[in-house]
Amino acid sequence: MSGVVFFLVAILAVASALGLVLRRNPIHGALFLVVNLGCVAVMYLLLGAEFLALAQVIIYAGAIMVLFVFAIMVLIPGKEETGPDPLRLQRLLALPLGALLLVEIALILQSSVFTAAPHPGVQPGYAAGAGGIQSVGRLLLRDYLLPFEVTSVLLLAALVGVLALAKRKAG
């Protein structure tokens, strides 16, 4: 079963990577990148690295992509849309499909996939050791605190730079 899931996710990852490279619209490219990052998170889950999958979704597919989309929208303003809404049908289907997705997520979370049983092939005690949340937190907030904080200041400086460039273009 996991082999089938891997191949499906791998095909989706390659397709989204091609969509990222081949699309001319930067917003579409950013959305393809979100799909690709989600595929990487699923591959982490298949390897038994739940913490890395969660960090992949929260940090990269969430926070970093919001920053990318914000920068793209500030630097490349779109034209005003007029006339009838070309996406009316999709907007009408969005709410029921979103509700269906939430039901699926609830069913997955209640299934045996998220039990505390060890992943096949992973040695007992491994999750509490080198790759566990406590060790990653200790590394980030004690051993590598300075590089972690420098990275956050660098991201803040990049955001301020994007705003300064956008203001100079507009003014």
C-alpha atoms as a PDB file:
ATOM      1  CA  MET A   1       0.000   0.000   0.000  1.00  0.00           C
ATOM      2  CA  SER A   2       2.742   2.464   0.905  1.00  0.00           C
ATOM      3  CA  GLY A   3       4.464   1.730  -2.432  1.00  0.00           C
ATOM      4  CA  VAL A   4       1.337   2.777  -4.316  1.00  0.00           C
ATOM      5  CA  VAL A   5       1.029   5.937  -2.204  1.00  0.00           C
ATOM      6  CA  PHE A   6       4.702   6.705  -2.804  1.00  0.00           C
ATOM      7  CA  PHE A   7       4.368   6.418  -6.584  1.00  0.00           C
ATOM      8  CA  LEU A   8       1.198   8.527  -6.659  1.00  0.00           C
ATOM      9  CA  VAL A   9       2.823  11.221  -4.511  1.00  0.00           C
ATOM     10  CA  ALA A  10       6.018  11.040  -6.581  1.00  0.00           C
ATOM     11  CA  ILE A  11       4.051  11.554  -9.808  1.00  0.00           C
ATOM     12  CA  LEU A  12       2.227  14.501  -8.236  1.00  0.00           C
ATOM     13  CA  ALA A  13       5.538  15.941  -6.996  1.00  0.00           C
ATOM     14  CA  VAL A  14       7.103  15.746 -10.458  1.00  0.00           C
ATOM     15  CA  ALA A  15       3.972  17.211 -12.088  1.00  0.00           C
ATOM     16  CA  SER A  16       3.856  20.099  -9.627  1.00  0.00           C
ATOM     17  CA  ALA A  17       7.579  20.752 -10.118  1.00  0.00           C
ATOM     18  CA  LEU A  18       7.012  20.899 -13.874  1.00  0.00           C
ATOM     19  CA  GLY A  19       4.038  23.209 -13.331  1.00  0.00           C
ATOM     20  CA  LEU A  20       6.229  25.447 -11.177  1.00  0.00           C
ATOM     21  CA  VAL A  21       8.870  25.727 -13.875  1.00  0.00           C
ATOM     22  CA  LEU A  22       6.580  25.955 -16.899  1.00  0.00           C
ATOM     23  CA  ARG A  23       3.885  28.393 -15.701  1.00  0.00           C
ATOM     24  CA  ARG A  24       4.452  32.037 -16.523  1.00  0.00           C
ATOM     25  CA  ASN A  25       2.149  33.399 -13.812  1.00  0.00           C
ATOM     26  CA  PRO A  26       4.182  33.743 -10.572  1.00  0.00           C
ATOM     27  CA  ILE A  27       1.141  33.165  -8.341  1.00  0.00           C
ATOM     28  CA  HIS A  28       0.417  29.870 -10.134  1.00  0.00           C
ATOM     29  CA  GLY A  29       4.087  28.960  -9.716  1.00  0.00           C
ATOM     30  CA  ALA A  30       3.888  29.641  -5.987  1.00  0.00           C
ATOM     31  CA  LEU A  31       0.786  27.457  -5.701  1.00  0.00           C
ATOM     32  CA  PHE A  32       2.543  24.639  -7.554  1.00  0.00           C
ATOM     33  CA  LEU A  33       5.408  25.023  -5.077  1.00  0.00           C
ATOM     34  CA  VAL A  34       2.941  24.615  -2.189  1.00  0.00           C
ATOM     35  CA  VAL A  35       1.702  21.366  -3.778  1.00  0.00           C
ATOM     36  CA  ASN A  36       5.299  20.182  -4.182  1.00  0.00           C
ATOM     37  CA  LEU A  37       6.124  20.993  -0.549  1.00  0.00           C
ATOM     38  CA  GLY A  38       3.009  19.065   0.494  1.00  0.00           C
ATOM     39  CA  CYS A  39       4.229  16.066  -1.502  1.00  0.00           C
ATOM     40  CA  VAL A  40       7.569  16.236   0.308  1.00  0.00           C
ATOM     41  CA  ALA A  41       5.680  16.255   3.622  1.00  0.00           C
ATOM     42  CA  VAL A  42       3.769  13.118   2.592  1.00  0.00           C
ATOM     43  CA  MET A  43       7.070  11.453   1.701  1.00  0.00           C
ATOM     44  CA  TYR A  44       8.375  12.344   5.165  1.00  0.00           C
ATOM     45  CA  LEU A  45       5.290  10.653   6.619  1.00  0.00           C
ATOM     46  CA  LEU A  46       5.976   7.550   4.563  1.00  0.00           C
ATOM     47  CA  LEU A  47       9.486   7.460   6.036  1.00  0.00           C
ATOM     48  CA  GLY A  48       8.112   7.696   9.580  1.00  0.00           C
ATOM     49  CA  ALA A  49       9.379  11.241  10.195  1.00  0.00           C
ATOM     50  CA  GLU A  50       6.153  12.807  11.462  1.00  0.00           C
ATOM     51  CA  PHE A  51       7.873  15.802  13.054  1.00  0.00           C
ATOM     52  CA  LEU A  52       9.654  16.691   9.810  1.00  0.00           C
ATOM     53  CA  ALA A  53       6.383  16.350   7.887  1.00  0.00           C
ATOM     54  CA  LEU A  54       4.639  18.682  10.317  1.00  0.00           C
ATOM     55  CA  ALA A  55       7.503  21.183  10.202  1.00  0.00           C
ATOM     56  CA  GLN A  56       7.481  20.998   6.391  1.00  0.00           C
ATOM     57  CA  VAL A  57       3.801  21.915   6.258  1.00  0.00           C
ATOM     58  CA  ILE A  58       3.854  24.577   8.974  1.00  0.00           C
ATOM     59  CA  ILE A  59       7.125  26.308   8.128  1.00  0.00           C
ATOM     60  CA  TYR A  60       7.607  25.907   4.391  1.00  0.00           C
ATOM     61  CA  ALA A  61       4.155  25.334   2.919  1.00  0.00           C
ATOM     62  CA  GLY A  62       2.649  27.743   5.449  1.00  0.00           C
ATOM     63  CA  ALA A  63       4.830  30.611   6.603  1.00  0.00           C
ATOM     64  CA  ILE A  64       7.459  30.801   3.852  1.00  0.00           C
ATOM     65  CA  MET A  65       4.908  30.488   1.047  1.00  0.00           C
ATOM     66  CA  VAL A  66       2.757  33.220   2.572  1.00  0.00           C
ATOM     67  CA  LEU A  67       5.860  35.425   2.514  1.00  0.00           C
ATOM     68  CA  PHE A  68       6.552  34.479  -1.133  1.00  0.00           C
ATOM     69  CA  VAL A  69       2.975  35.157  -2.230  1.00  0.00           C
ATOM     70  CA  PHE A  70       2.966  38.465  -0.344  1.00  0.00           C
ATOM     71  CA  ALA A  71       6.201  39.531  -2.046  1.00  0.00           C
ATOM     72  CA  ILE A  72       4.903  38.484  -5.468  1.00  0.00           C
ATOM     73  CA  MET A  73       1.636  40.363  -5.000  1.00  0.00           C
ATOM     74  CA  VAL A  74       3.404  43.493  -3.779  1.00  0.00           C
ATOM     75  CA  LEU A  75       6.019  43.539  -6.529  1.00  0.00           C
ATOM     76  CA  ILE A  76       3.763  42.434  -9.406  1.00  0.00           C
ATOM     77  CA  PRO A  77       0.355  44.058  -8.953  1.00  0.00           C
ATOM     78  CA  GLY A  78      -2.428  42.486 -11.006  1.00  0.00           C
ATOM     79  CA  LYS A  79      -4.885  44.249 -13.233  1.00  0.00           C
ATOM     80  CA  GLU A  80      -8.411  44.957 -12.094  1.00  0.00           C
ATOM     81  CA  GLU A  81     -10.950  42.331 -13.108  1.00  0.00           C
ATOM     82  CA  THR A  82     -14.199  43.442 -14.713  1.00  0.00           C
ATOM     83  CA  GLY A  83     -17.135  41.572 -16.162  1.00  0.00           C
ATOM     84  CA  PRO A  84     -18.712  38.272 -15.108  1.00  0.00           C
ATOM     85  CA  ASP A  85     -16.841  36.052 -12.718  1.00  0.00           C
ATOM     86  CA  PRO A  86     -15.121  33.323 -14.786  1.00  0.00           C
ATOM     87  CA  LEU A  87     -14.660  31.132 -11.694  1.00  0.00           C
ATOM     88  CA  ARG A  88     -18.283  31.227 -10.504  1.00  0.00           C
ATOM     89  CA  LEU A  89     -18.763  27.439 -10.718  1.00  0.00           C
ATOM     90  CA  GLN A  90     -15.531  26.756  -8.829  1.00  0.00           C
ATOM     91  CA  ARG A  91     -16.486  29.210  -6.115  1.00  0.00           C
ATOM     92  CA  LEU A  92     -19.851  27.475  -5.684  1.00  0.00           C
ATOM     93  CA  LEU A  93     -18.142  24.083  -5.363  1.00  0.00           C
ATOM     94  CA  ALA A  94     -15.480  25.349  -2.957  1.00  0.00           C
ATOM     95  CA  LEU A  95     -17.581  25.166   0.217  1.00  0.00           C
ATOM     96  CA  PRO A  96     -18.920  21.607  -0.181  1.00  0.00           C
ATOM     97  CA  LEU A  97     -15.519  20.313  -1.329  1.00  0.00           C
ATOM     98  CA  GLY A  98     -13.841  22.075   1.600  1.00  0.00           C
ATOM     99  CA  ALA A  99     -16.301  20.449   3.996  1.00  0.00           C
ATOM    100  CA  LEU A 100     -15.602  17.072   2.398  1.00  0.00           C
ATOM    101  CA  LEU A 101     -11.877  17.658   2.873  1.00  0.00           C
ATOM    102  CA  LEU A 102     -12.399  18.442   6.561  1.00  0.00           C
ATOM    103  CA  VAL A 103     -14.402  15.228   6.979  1.00  0.00           C
ATOM    104  CA  GLU A 104     -11.608  13.257   5.307  1.00  0.00           C
ATOM    105  CA  ILE A 105      -8.989  14.861   7.570  1.00  0.00           C
ATOM    106  CA  ALA A 106     -11.069  13.998  10.635  1.00  0.00           C
ATOM    107  CA  LEU A 107     -11.379  10.379   9.466  1.00  0.00           C
ATOM    108  CA  ILE A 108      -7.640  10.142   8.834  1.00  0.00           C
ATOM    109  CA  LEU A 109      -6.823  11.583  12.253  1.00  0.00           C
ATOM    110  CA  GLN A 110      -9.101   9.021  13.913  1.00  0.00           C
ATOM    111  CA  SER A 111      -7.617   6.097  11.973  1.00  0.00           C
ATOM    112  CA  SER A 112      -4.792   3.872  13.109  1.00  0.00           C
ATOM    113  CA  VAL A 113      -2.260   5.859  11.062  1.00  0.00           C
ATOM    114  CA  PHE A 114      -1.662   8.253  13.962  1.00  0.00           C
ATOM    115  CA  THR A 115      -1.216   5.742  16.760  1.00  0.00           C
ATOM    116  CA  ALA A 116       1.861   5.567  18.948  1.00  0.00           C
ATOM    117  CA  ALA A 117       2.971   2.242  17.442  1.00  0.00           C
ATOM    118  CA  PRO A 118       6.488   2.387  16.006  1.00  0.00           C
ATOM    119  CA  HIS A 119       6.920   2.596  12.262  1.00  0.00           C
ATOM    120  CA  PRO A 120       8.117  -0.673  10.660  1.00  0.00           C
ATOM    121  CA  GLY A 121      11.872  -0.633  10.279  1.00  0.00           C
ATOM    122  CA  VAL A 122      12.416   2.069  12.900  1.00  0.00           C
ATOM    123  CA  GLN A 123      14.313   0.967  15.979  1.00  0.00           C
ATOM    124  CA  PRO A 124      12.492   1.278  19.311  1.00  0.00           C
ATOM    125  CA  GLY A 125      13.394   4.444  21.187  1.00  0.00           C
ATOM    126  CA  TYR A 126      14.515   6.221  18.017  1.00  0.00           C
ATOM    127  CA  ALA A 127      11.732   8.842  18.100  1.00  0.00           C
ATOM    128  CA  ALA A 128      12.729   9.869  21.603  1.00  0.00           C
ATOM    129  CA  GLY A 129      16.391  10.052  20.588  1.00  0.00           C
ATOM    130  CA  ALA A 130      18.075  11.749  17.667  1.00  0.00           C
ATOM    131  CA  GLY A 131      15.029  12.790  15.653  1.00  0.00           C
ATOM    132  CA  GLY A 132      12.530  13.445  18.414  1.00  0.00           C
ATOM    133  CA  ILE A 133      10.866  16.751  19.171  1.00  0.00           C
ATOM    134  CA  GLN A 134      12.860  17.250  22.372  1.00  0.00           C
ATOM    135  CA  SER A 135      16.212  16.821  20.662  1.00  0.00           C
ATOM    136  CA  VAL A 136      15.246  19.082  17.741  1.00  0.00           C
ATOM    137  CA  GLY A 137      13.979  21.710  20.179  1.00  0.00           C
ATOM    138  CA  ARG A 138      17.169  21.445  22.227  1.00  0.00           C
ATOM    139  CA  LEU A 139      19.274  21.894  19.086  1.00  0.00           C
ATOM    140  CA  LEU A 140      17.264  24.885  17.843  1.00  0.00           C
ATOM    141  CA  LEU A 141      16.850  26.704  21.132  1.00  0.00           C
ATOM    142  CA  ARG A 142      20.154  25.901  22.837  1.00  0.00           C
ATOM    143  CA  ASP A 143      22.929  24.700  20.546  1.00  0.00           C
ATOM    144  CA  TYR A 144      21.965  26.671  17.423  1.00  0.00           C
ATOM    145  CA  LEU A 145      20.105  29.601  18.969  1.00  0.00           C
ATOM    146  CA  LEU A 146      22.306  32.283  17.365  1.00  0.00           C
ATOM    147  CA  PRO A 147      21.949  30.983  13.761  1.00  0.00           C
ATOM    148  CA  PHE A 148      18.220  30.479  14.370  1.00  0.00           C
ATOM    149  CA  GLU A 149      17.789  34.096  15.481  1.00  0.00           C
ATOM    150  CA  VAL A 150      20.054  35.434  12.697  1.00  0.00           C
ATOM    151  CA  THR A 151      17.841  33.643  10.180  1.00  0.00           C
ATOM    152  CA  SER A 152      14.726  35.268  11.622  1.00  0.00           C
ATOM    153  CA  VAL A 153      16.347  38.734  11.457  1.00  0.00           C
ATOM    154  CA  LEU A 154      17.441  38.018   7.876  1.00  0.00           C
ATOM    155  CA  LEU A 155      13.860  37.109   6.895  1.00  0.00           C
ATOM    156  CA  LEU A 156      12.590  40.288   8.559  1.00  0.00           C
ATOM    157  CA  ALA A 157      15.193  42.363   6.674  1.00  0.00           C
ATOM    158  CA  ALA A 158      14.127  40.712   3.403  1.00  0.00           C
ATOM    159  CA  LEU A 159      10.485  41.579   4.093  1.00  0.00           C
ATOM    160  CA  VAL A 160      11.383  45.210   4.869  1.00  0.00           C
ATOM    161  CA  GLY A 161      13.460  45.301   1.657  1.00  0.00           C
ATOM    162  CA  VAL A 162      10.526  44.040  -0.405  1.00  0.00           C
ATOM    163  CA  LEU A 163       8.280  46.722   1.068  1.00  0.00           C
ATOM    164  CA  ALA A 164      10.885  49.423   0.392  1.00  0.00           C
ATOM    165  CA  LEU A 165      11.251  48.304  -3.242  1.00  0.00           C
ATOM    166  CA  ALA A 166       7.494  48.196  -3.708  1.00  0.00           C
ATOM    167  CA  LYS A 167       7.079  51.683  -2.229  1.00  0.00           C
ATOM    168  CA  ARG A 168       9.840  53.066  -4.476  1.00  0.00           C
ATOM    169  CA  LYS A 169       8.158  51.521  -7.569  1.00  0.00           C
ATOM    170  CA  ALA A 170       4.750  52.943  -6.635  1.00  0.00           C
ATOM    171  CA  GLY A 171       6.001  56.409  -5.751  1.00  0.00           C
END
